[in-house]
N, C-alpha and C. Protein backbone atom coordinates (compact mmCIF):
# COMPACT_ATOMS: atom_id res chain seq x y z
N MET A 1 0.81 5.09 -31.21
CA MET A 1 0.39 4.07 -30.27
C MET A 1 1.61 3.39 -29.63
N GLU A 2 2.58 3.08 -30.46
CA GLU A 2 3.77 2.42 -29.94
C GLU A 2 4.55 3.35 -29.01
N ASP A 3 4.58 4.64 -29.35
CA ASP A 3 5.27 5.59 -28.49
C ASP A 3 4.61 5.68 -27.12
N ASN A 4 3.28 5.71 -27.10
CA ASN A 4 2.57 5.77 -25.82
C ASN A 4 2.85 4.54 -24.97
N PHE A 5 2.94 3.39 -25.61
CA PHE A 5 3.27 2.16 -24.89
C PHE A 5 4.67 2.27 -24.28
N CYS A 6 5.61 2.78 -25.05
CA CYS A 6 6.98 2.93 -24.54
C CYS A 6 7.05 3.94 -23.40
N TYR A 7 6.33 5.05 -23.56
CA TYR A 7 6.33 6.06 -22.50
C TYR A 7 5.69 5.55 -21.22
N SER A 8 4.66 4.73 -21.34
CA SER A 8 4.00 4.22 -20.13
C SER A 8 4.79 3.09 -19.48
N CYS A 9 5.52 2.31 -20.26
CA CYS A 9 6.29 1.19 -19.70
C CYS A 9 7.63 1.62 -19.12
N ASN A 10 8.14 2.73 -19.56
CA ASN A 10 9.46 3.18 -19.13
C ASN A 10 9.54 3.42 -17.62
N PRO A 11 8.59 4.11 -16.98
CA PRO A 11 8.69 4.27 -15.51
C PRO A 11 8.63 2.94 -14.76
N PHE A 12 7.84 1.99 -15.27
CA PHE A 12 7.78 0.69 -14.61
C PHE A 12 9.10 -0.05 -14.73
N SER A 13 9.72 0.05 -15.87
CA SER A 13 11.00 -0.65 -16.03
C SER A 13 12.09 0.00 -15.18
N MET A 14 12.01 1.32 -14.99
CA MET A 14 12.99 1.98 -14.14
C MET A 14 12.76 1.64 -12.66
N ALA A 15 11.52 1.42 -12.28
CA ALA A 15 11.19 1.13 -10.89
C ALA A 15 11.23 -0.37 -10.58
N PHE A 16 11.52 -1.18 -11.56
CA PHE A 16 11.46 -2.63 -11.36
C PHE A 16 12.31 -3.16 -10.22
N PRO A 17 13.52 -2.62 -9.97
CA PRO A 17 14.29 -3.14 -8.84
C PRO A 17 13.57 -2.98 -7.49
N PHE A 18 12.63 -2.06 -7.41
CA PHE A 18 11.91 -1.82 -6.16
C PHE A 18 10.48 -2.34 -6.24
N PHE A 19 10.22 -3.24 -7.17
CA PHE A 19 8.84 -3.64 -7.42
C PHE A 19 8.16 -4.20 -6.18
N ASN A 20 8.85 -5.03 -5.41
CA ASN A 20 8.25 -5.62 -4.21
C ASN A 20 7.93 -4.54 -3.17
N ALA A 21 8.81 -3.58 -3.01
CA ALA A 21 8.56 -2.52 -2.03
C ALA A 21 7.40 -1.63 -2.48
N ILE A 22 7.34 -1.32 -3.77
CA ILE A 22 6.24 -0.51 -4.28
C ILE A 22 4.93 -1.26 -4.16
N LEU A 23 4.94 -2.53 -4.48
CA LEU A 23 3.73 -3.35 -4.39
C LEU A 23 3.25 -3.47 -2.95
N SER A 24 4.16 -3.61 -2.01
CA SER A 24 3.74 -3.71 -0.61
C SER A 24 3.19 -2.38 -0.10
N LEU A 25 3.74 -1.27 -0.57
CA LEU A 25 3.21 0.03 -0.19
C LEU A 25 1.80 0.23 -0.75
N LEU A 26 1.60 -0.12 -2.00
CA LEU A 26 0.26 -0.01 -2.58
C LEU A 26 -0.73 -0.92 -1.88
N GLY A 27 -0.29 -2.11 -1.51
CA GLY A 27 -1.17 -3.01 -0.78
C GLY A 27 -1.51 -2.49 0.60
N ALA A 28 -0.55 -1.88 1.26
CA ALA A 28 -0.80 -1.32 2.59
C ALA A 28 -1.76 -0.13 2.51
N ILE A 29 -1.60 0.70 1.47
CA ILE A 29 -2.48 1.85 1.32
C ILE A 29 -3.90 1.41 0.98
N GLY A 30 -4.04 0.40 0.15
CA GLY A 30 -5.36 -0.02 -0.28
C GLY A 30 -6.08 -0.96 0.66
N TYR A 31 -5.35 -1.58 1.59
CA TYR A 31 -5.96 -2.60 2.44
C TYR A 31 -7.03 -2.04 3.36
N TRP A 32 -6.70 -1.05 4.15
CA TRP A 32 -7.63 -0.59 5.17
C TRP A 32 -8.92 0.00 4.61
N PRO A 33 -8.86 0.95 3.67
CA PRO A 33 -10.13 1.52 3.22
C PRO A 33 -11.01 0.53 2.46
N LEU A 34 -10.40 -0.30 1.62
CA LEU A 34 -11.21 -1.18 0.78
C LEU A 34 -11.68 -2.44 1.49
N THR A 35 -10.88 -2.95 2.41
CA THR A 35 -11.20 -4.22 3.04
C THR A 35 -11.86 -4.05 4.41
N ILE A 36 -11.56 -2.98 5.10
CA ILE A 36 -12.06 -2.83 6.46
C ILE A 36 -13.04 -1.67 6.59
N PHE A 37 -12.61 -0.46 6.29
CA PHE A 37 -13.40 0.74 6.59
C PHE A 37 -14.75 0.77 5.87
N PHE A 38 -14.74 0.69 4.54
CA PHE A 38 -15.99 0.79 3.80
C PHE A 38 -16.96 -0.35 4.10
N PRO A 39 -16.51 -1.61 4.18
CA PRO A 39 -17.47 -2.66 4.54
C PRO A 39 -18.06 -2.49 5.94
N ILE A 40 -17.25 -2.03 6.90
CA ILE A 40 -17.79 -1.81 8.24
C ILE A 40 -18.81 -0.69 8.24
N GLN A 41 -18.53 0.39 7.53
CA GLN A 41 -19.47 1.49 7.48
C GLN A 41 -20.76 1.09 6.76
N MET A 42 -20.65 0.29 5.71
CA MET A 42 -21.86 -0.19 5.03
C MET A 42 -22.66 -1.11 5.93
N TYR A 43 -21.99 -1.97 6.68
CA TYR A 43 -22.68 -2.86 7.60
C TYR A 43 -23.41 -2.07 8.67
N ILE A 44 -22.76 -1.05 9.21
CA ILE A 44 -23.39 -0.23 10.25
C ILE A 44 -24.63 0.48 9.70
N SER A 45 -24.52 1.01 8.49
CA SER A 45 -25.67 1.72 7.93
C SER A 45 -26.78 0.77 7.50
N GLN A 46 -26.46 -0.42 6.97
CA GLN A 46 -27.49 -1.36 6.56
C GLN A 46 -28.24 -1.95 7.74
N LYS A 47 -27.51 -2.27 8.79
CA LYS A 47 -28.13 -2.86 9.98
C LYS A 47 -28.69 -1.81 10.94
N LYS A 48 -28.47 -0.54 10.60
CA LYS A 48 -28.93 0.58 11.43
C LYS A 48 -28.49 0.43 12.89
N ILE A 49 -27.19 0.21 13.04
CA ILE A 49 -26.61 0.05 14.37
C ILE A 49 -26.51 1.43 14.99
N GLY A 50 -27.03 1.57 16.20
CA GLY A 50 -27.03 2.86 16.89
C GLY A 50 -25.64 3.32 17.26
N ARG A 51 -25.47 4.62 17.17
CA ARG A 51 -24.17 5.20 17.51
C ARG A 51 -23.91 5.01 19.01
N GLU A 52 -22.68 4.63 19.32
CA GLU A 52 -22.21 4.39 20.68
C GLU A 52 -22.91 3.21 21.38
N SER A 53 -23.43 2.27 20.58
CA SER A 53 -23.91 1.02 21.16
C SER A 53 -22.71 0.08 21.30
N ILE A 54 -22.89 -1.02 22.00
CA ILE A 54 -21.79 -1.97 22.22
C ILE A 54 -21.27 -2.50 20.88
N GLN A 55 -22.18 -2.84 19.98
CA GLN A 55 -21.76 -3.38 18.68
C GLN A 55 -21.04 -2.31 17.86
N TRP A 56 -21.51 -1.07 17.89
CA TRP A 56 -20.87 0.02 17.16
C TRP A 56 -19.46 0.26 17.69
N ILE A 57 -19.31 0.26 19.01
CA ILE A 57 -17.99 0.47 19.62
C ILE A 57 -17.05 -0.67 19.24
N GLY A 58 -17.54 -1.90 19.26
CA GLY A 58 -16.71 -3.04 18.87
C GLY A 58 -16.25 -2.95 17.42
N LEU A 59 -17.15 -2.57 16.53
CA LEU A 59 -16.77 -2.43 15.13
C LEU A 59 -15.78 -1.28 14.92
N GLN A 60 -15.95 -0.20 15.65
CA GLN A 60 -15.02 0.92 15.52
C GLN A 60 -13.64 0.57 16.10
N LEU A 61 -13.61 -0.23 17.16
CA LEU A 61 -12.33 -0.69 17.69
C LEU A 61 -11.61 -1.62 16.70
N LEU A 62 -12.38 -2.49 16.03
CA LEU A 62 -11.81 -3.33 14.98
C LEU A 62 -11.25 -2.47 13.86
N ASN A 63 -12.00 -1.44 13.49
CA ASN A 63 -11.59 -0.51 12.46
C ASN A 63 -10.29 0.19 12.85
N LEU A 64 -10.20 0.64 14.09
CA LEU A 64 -9.00 1.33 14.57
C LEU A 64 -7.80 0.39 14.62
N ARG A 65 -8.01 -0.82 15.09
CA ARG A 65 -6.92 -1.78 15.18
C ARG A 65 -6.36 -2.11 13.79
N CYS A 66 -7.23 -2.27 12.82
CA CYS A 66 -6.75 -2.54 11.45
C CYS A 66 -6.08 -1.32 10.84
N LEU A 67 -6.54 -0.11 11.18
CA LEU A 67 -5.89 1.10 10.69
C LEU A 67 -4.46 1.19 11.22
N ILE A 68 -4.28 0.88 12.49
CA ILE A 68 -2.94 0.93 13.08
C ILE A 68 -2.03 -0.10 12.41
N GLY A 69 -2.55 -1.30 12.17
CA GLY A 69 -1.77 -2.31 11.47
C GLY A 69 -1.40 -1.89 10.06
N THR A 70 -2.32 -1.21 9.38
CA THR A 70 -2.05 -0.72 8.04
C THR A 70 -0.98 0.37 8.06
N LEU A 71 -1.03 1.26 9.04
CA LEU A 71 -0.02 2.31 9.14
C LEU A 71 1.36 1.74 9.43
N VAL A 72 1.41 0.71 10.25
CA VAL A 72 2.69 0.05 10.53
C VAL A 72 3.23 -0.61 9.27
N ALA A 73 2.35 -1.28 8.51
CA ALA A 73 2.79 -1.91 7.26
C ALA A 73 3.24 -0.87 6.24
N ALA A 74 2.56 0.27 6.17
CA ALA A 74 2.97 1.33 5.24
C ALA A 74 4.32 1.91 5.64
N CYS A 75 4.54 2.11 6.94
CA CYS A 75 5.84 2.61 7.41
C CYS A 75 6.95 1.62 7.08
N SER A 76 6.67 0.35 7.24
CA SER A 76 7.66 -0.68 6.92
C SER A 76 7.96 -0.68 5.42
N SER A 77 6.94 -0.51 4.60
CA SER A 77 7.15 -0.47 3.16
C SER A 77 7.96 0.75 2.75
N ILE A 78 7.69 1.88 3.36
CA ILE A 78 8.44 3.10 3.06
C ILE A 78 9.90 2.92 3.47
N GLU A 79 10.13 2.30 4.61
CA GLU A 79 11.50 2.04 5.05
C GLU A 79 12.21 1.11 4.08
N GLY A 80 11.51 0.10 3.58
CA GLY A 80 12.10 -0.80 2.59
C GLY A 80 12.42 -0.08 1.29
N LEU A 81 11.54 0.82 0.88
CA LEU A 81 11.79 1.61 -0.32
C LEU A 81 13.02 2.50 -0.14
N CYS A 82 13.11 3.15 1.03
CA CYS A 82 14.25 4.03 1.29
C CYS A 82 15.56 3.25 1.29
N SER A 83 15.58 2.08 1.90
CA SER A 83 16.81 1.29 1.91
C SER A 83 17.15 0.78 0.52
N SER A 84 16.13 0.51 -0.30
CA SER A 84 16.40 0.09 -1.68
C SER A 84 16.99 1.23 -2.49
N PHE A 85 16.50 2.44 -2.27
CA PHE A 85 17.01 3.59 -3.00
C PHE A 85 18.45 3.91 -2.63
N GLN A 86 18.85 3.62 -1.39
CA GLN A 86 20.22 3.89 -0.98
C GLN A 86 21.22 2.97 -1.68
N ASN A 87 20.81 1.75 -1.97
CA ASN A 87 21.72 0.78 -2.58
C ASN A 87 21.68 0.80 -4.10
N TYR A 88 20.69 1.46 -4.68
CA TYR A 88 20.48 1.42 -6.13
C TYR A 88 21.24 2.53 -6.82
N LYS A 89 21.93 2.17 -7.87
CA LYS A 89 22.61 3.15 -8.71
C LYS A 89 21.97 3.08 -10.09
N PRO A 90 21.23 4.12 -10.48
CA PRO A 90 20.50 4.04 -11.74
C PRO A 90 21.44 3.95 -12.95
N PHE A 91 20.99 3.16 -13.90
CA PHE A 91 21.68 2.98 -15.18
C PHE A 91 23.08 2.40 -15.02
N LYS A 92 23.35 1.70 -13.95
CA LYS A 92 24.62 1.00 -13.77
C LYS A 92 24.31 -0.50 -13.81
N THR A 93 25.11 -1.22 -14.54
CA THR A 93 24.91 -2.66 -14.60
C THR A 93 26.01 -3.35 -13.80
N LYS A 94 25.68 -4.53 -13.34
CA LYS A 94 26.68 -5.31 -12.63
C LYS A 94 27.32 -6.23 -13.66
N GLY A 95 28.48 -5.89 -14.07
CA GLY A 95 29.15 -6.68 -15.09
C GLY A 95 30.64 -6.67 -14.87
N TYR A 96 31.32 -7.22 -15.82
CA TYR A 96 32.77 -7.26 -15.74
C TYR A 96 33.34 -5.92 -16.16
N GLU A 97 34.27 -5.45 -15.38
CA GLU A 97 34.94 -4.20 -15.72
C GLU A 97 36.32 -4.52 -16.28
N SER A 98 36.71 -3.76 -17.26
CA SER A 98 38.03 -4.02 -17.85
C SER A 98 39.08 -3.10 -17.35
């Protein structure tokens, strides 16, 4: 049990310097489908909104606009991750050298 805990925590501890970038990427990936796409599709099906009606087109435009914003946020997160990886030297500590 203790070994499994160590094995599962080890990748998180290695990725900790990039925790904010990883968290923002996960948030960007999860935002659009969970917060926008599925609720809009459920609303359309529950209210039986006709395809290509004014309300359907408006909801799909909202869906598209949020998708574009999510893609921009994901690209920004990936760029932040890449810049963090360039500056990071694994297993090196910042300390006094003799």
